[in-house]
Amino acid sequence: MNTEHRSGFRRLHLVIRGIVQGVGFRFFVERHARRLGLRGWVRNVADGSVEVLAEGPEEALRLLLEQCQQGPRSAHVEKVETQWLLPAND
């Protein structure tokens, strides 16, 4: 198993709360993540939140975080729970 991580790569886990389902939030996150060259996933959660797990260069992850704090126009982001993690050993 490779225990070395690519320099500057991180993993970011987000839970976004507010009016974030049914407003195109997942598509919004996916579009920005692809544009930034990030890997990961985004999904709706039963409690009405949106969960994101993204991996890539820390600078790109910070830009994605800023976008998630804003959200698409039709969303209303109340809170973004943020957890920084080490990247996966893929």
Protein backbone atom coordinates (compact mmCIF):
# COMPACT_ATOMS: atom_id res chain seq x y z
CA MET A 1 0.00 0.00 0.00
CA ASN A 2 1.29 3.44 -0.89
CA THR A 3 1.43 5.59 2.24
CA GLU A 4 2.85 8.66 0.50
CA HIS A 5 0.35 11.30 -0.56
CA ARG A 6 0.76 13.58 -3.51
CA SER A 7 2.06 16.91 -2.31
CA GLY A 8 -0.69 19.45 -1.75
CA PHE A 9 -3.52 16.96 -2.24
CA ARG A 10 -6.28 16.80 0.37
CA ARG A 11 -9.76 15.42 0.79
CA LEU A 12 -12.67 17.66 1.76
CA HIS A 13 -15.92 16.40 3.28
CA LEU A 14 -18.85 18.85 3.37
CA VAL A 15 -22.40 18.73 4.64
CA ILE A 16 -24.40 21.67 3.30
CA ARG A 17 -27.60 22.63 5.11
CA GLY A 18 -30.42 24.97 4.17
CA ILE A 19 -32.60 25.00 1.07
CA VAL A 20 -30.22 22.83 -0.93
CA GLN A 21 -32.33 20.01 -2.39
CA GLY A 22 -34.54 20.42 -5.45
CA VAL A 23 -32.63 23.55 -6.52
CA GLY A 24 -29.85 22.07 -8.68
CA PHE A 25 -27.25 22.06 -5.92
CA ARG A 26 -25.75 18.67 -6.81
CA PHE A 27 -25.38 19.64 -10.47
CA PHE A 28 -23.86 22.97 -9.38
CA VAL A 29 -21.25 21.20 -7.20
CA GLU A 30 -20.46 18.59 -9.85
CA ARG A 31 -19.95 21.25 -12.53
CA HIS A 32 -17.58 23.30 -10.36
CA ALA A 33 -15.68 20.22 -9.16
CA ARG A 34 -15.10 19.04 -12.73
CA ARG A 35 -13.97 22.51 -13.81
CA LEU A 36 -11.47 22.48 -10.92
CA GLY A 37 -10.21 18.97 -11.79
CA LEU A 38 -11.45 17.38 -8.55
CA ARG A 39 -12.58 13.79 -7.96
CA GLY A 40 -15.31 12.59 -5.63
CA TRP A 41 -19.07 12.53 -5.26
CA VAL A 42 -22.09 14.58 -4.20
CA ARG A 43 -25.43 13.27 -2.91
CA ASN A 44 -28.68 14.28 -1.28
CA VAL A 45 -29.17 13.12 2.31
CA ALA A 46 -32.54 12.12 3.82
CA ASP A 47 -32.36 14.99 6.36
CA GLY A 48 -32.52 17.56 3.52
CA SER A 49 -28.80 18.32 3.37
CA VAL A 50 -26.31 17.74 0.56
CA GLU A 51 -23.10 15.81 1.24
CA VAL A 52 -19.89 16.27 -0.77
CA LEU A 53 -16.62 14.36 -0.74
CA ALA A 54 -13.97 15.84 -3.03
CA GLU A 55 -10.27 15.19 -3.47
CA GLY A 56 -7.54 17.11 -5.25
CA PRO A 57 -5.22 20.07 -4.83
CA GLU A 58 -5.98 22.04 -1.67
CA GLU A 59 -6.27 25.32 -3.58
CA ALA A 60 -8.96 23.84 -5.85
CA LEU A 61 -10.80 22.40 -2.84
CA ARG A 62 -10.83 25.83 -1.19
CA LEU A 63 -12.38 27.28 -4.35
CA LEU A 64 -15.03 24.53 -4.33
CA LEU A 65 -15.76 25.28 -0.67
CA GLU A 66 -16.31 28.96 -1.53
CA GLN A 67 -18.74 27.95 -4.29
CA CYS A 68 -20.63 25.62 -1.92
CA GLN A 69 -20.96 28.41 0.63
CA GLN A 70 -22.69 30.50 -2.07
CA GLY A 71 -24.63 27.77 -3.88
CA PRO A 72 -26.75 28.29 -6.98
CA ARG A 73 -29.15 31.26 -7.06
CA SER A 74 -32.17 29.14 -6.17
CA ALA A 75 -30.50 27.70 -3.04
CA HIS A 76 -30.22 29.22 0.42
CA VAL A 77 -27.16 27.91 2.24
CA GLU A 78 -27.51 28.20 6.01
CA LYS A 79 -24.49 26.17 7.14
CA VAL A 80 -21.56 24.27 5.66
CA GLU A 81 -19.96 21.67 7.93
CA THR A 82 -16.36 21.23 6.81
CA GLN A 83 -13.90 18.43 7.51
CA TRP A 84 -10.39 18.30 5.98
CA LEU A 85 -8.94 14.80 5.55
CA LEU A 86 -5.88 13.10 4.10
CA PRO A 87 -6.33 11.95 0.50
CA ALA A 88 -7.21 8.33 -0.27
CA ASN A 89 -4.40 5.90 -1.07
CA ASP A 90 -5.64 5.20 -4.62
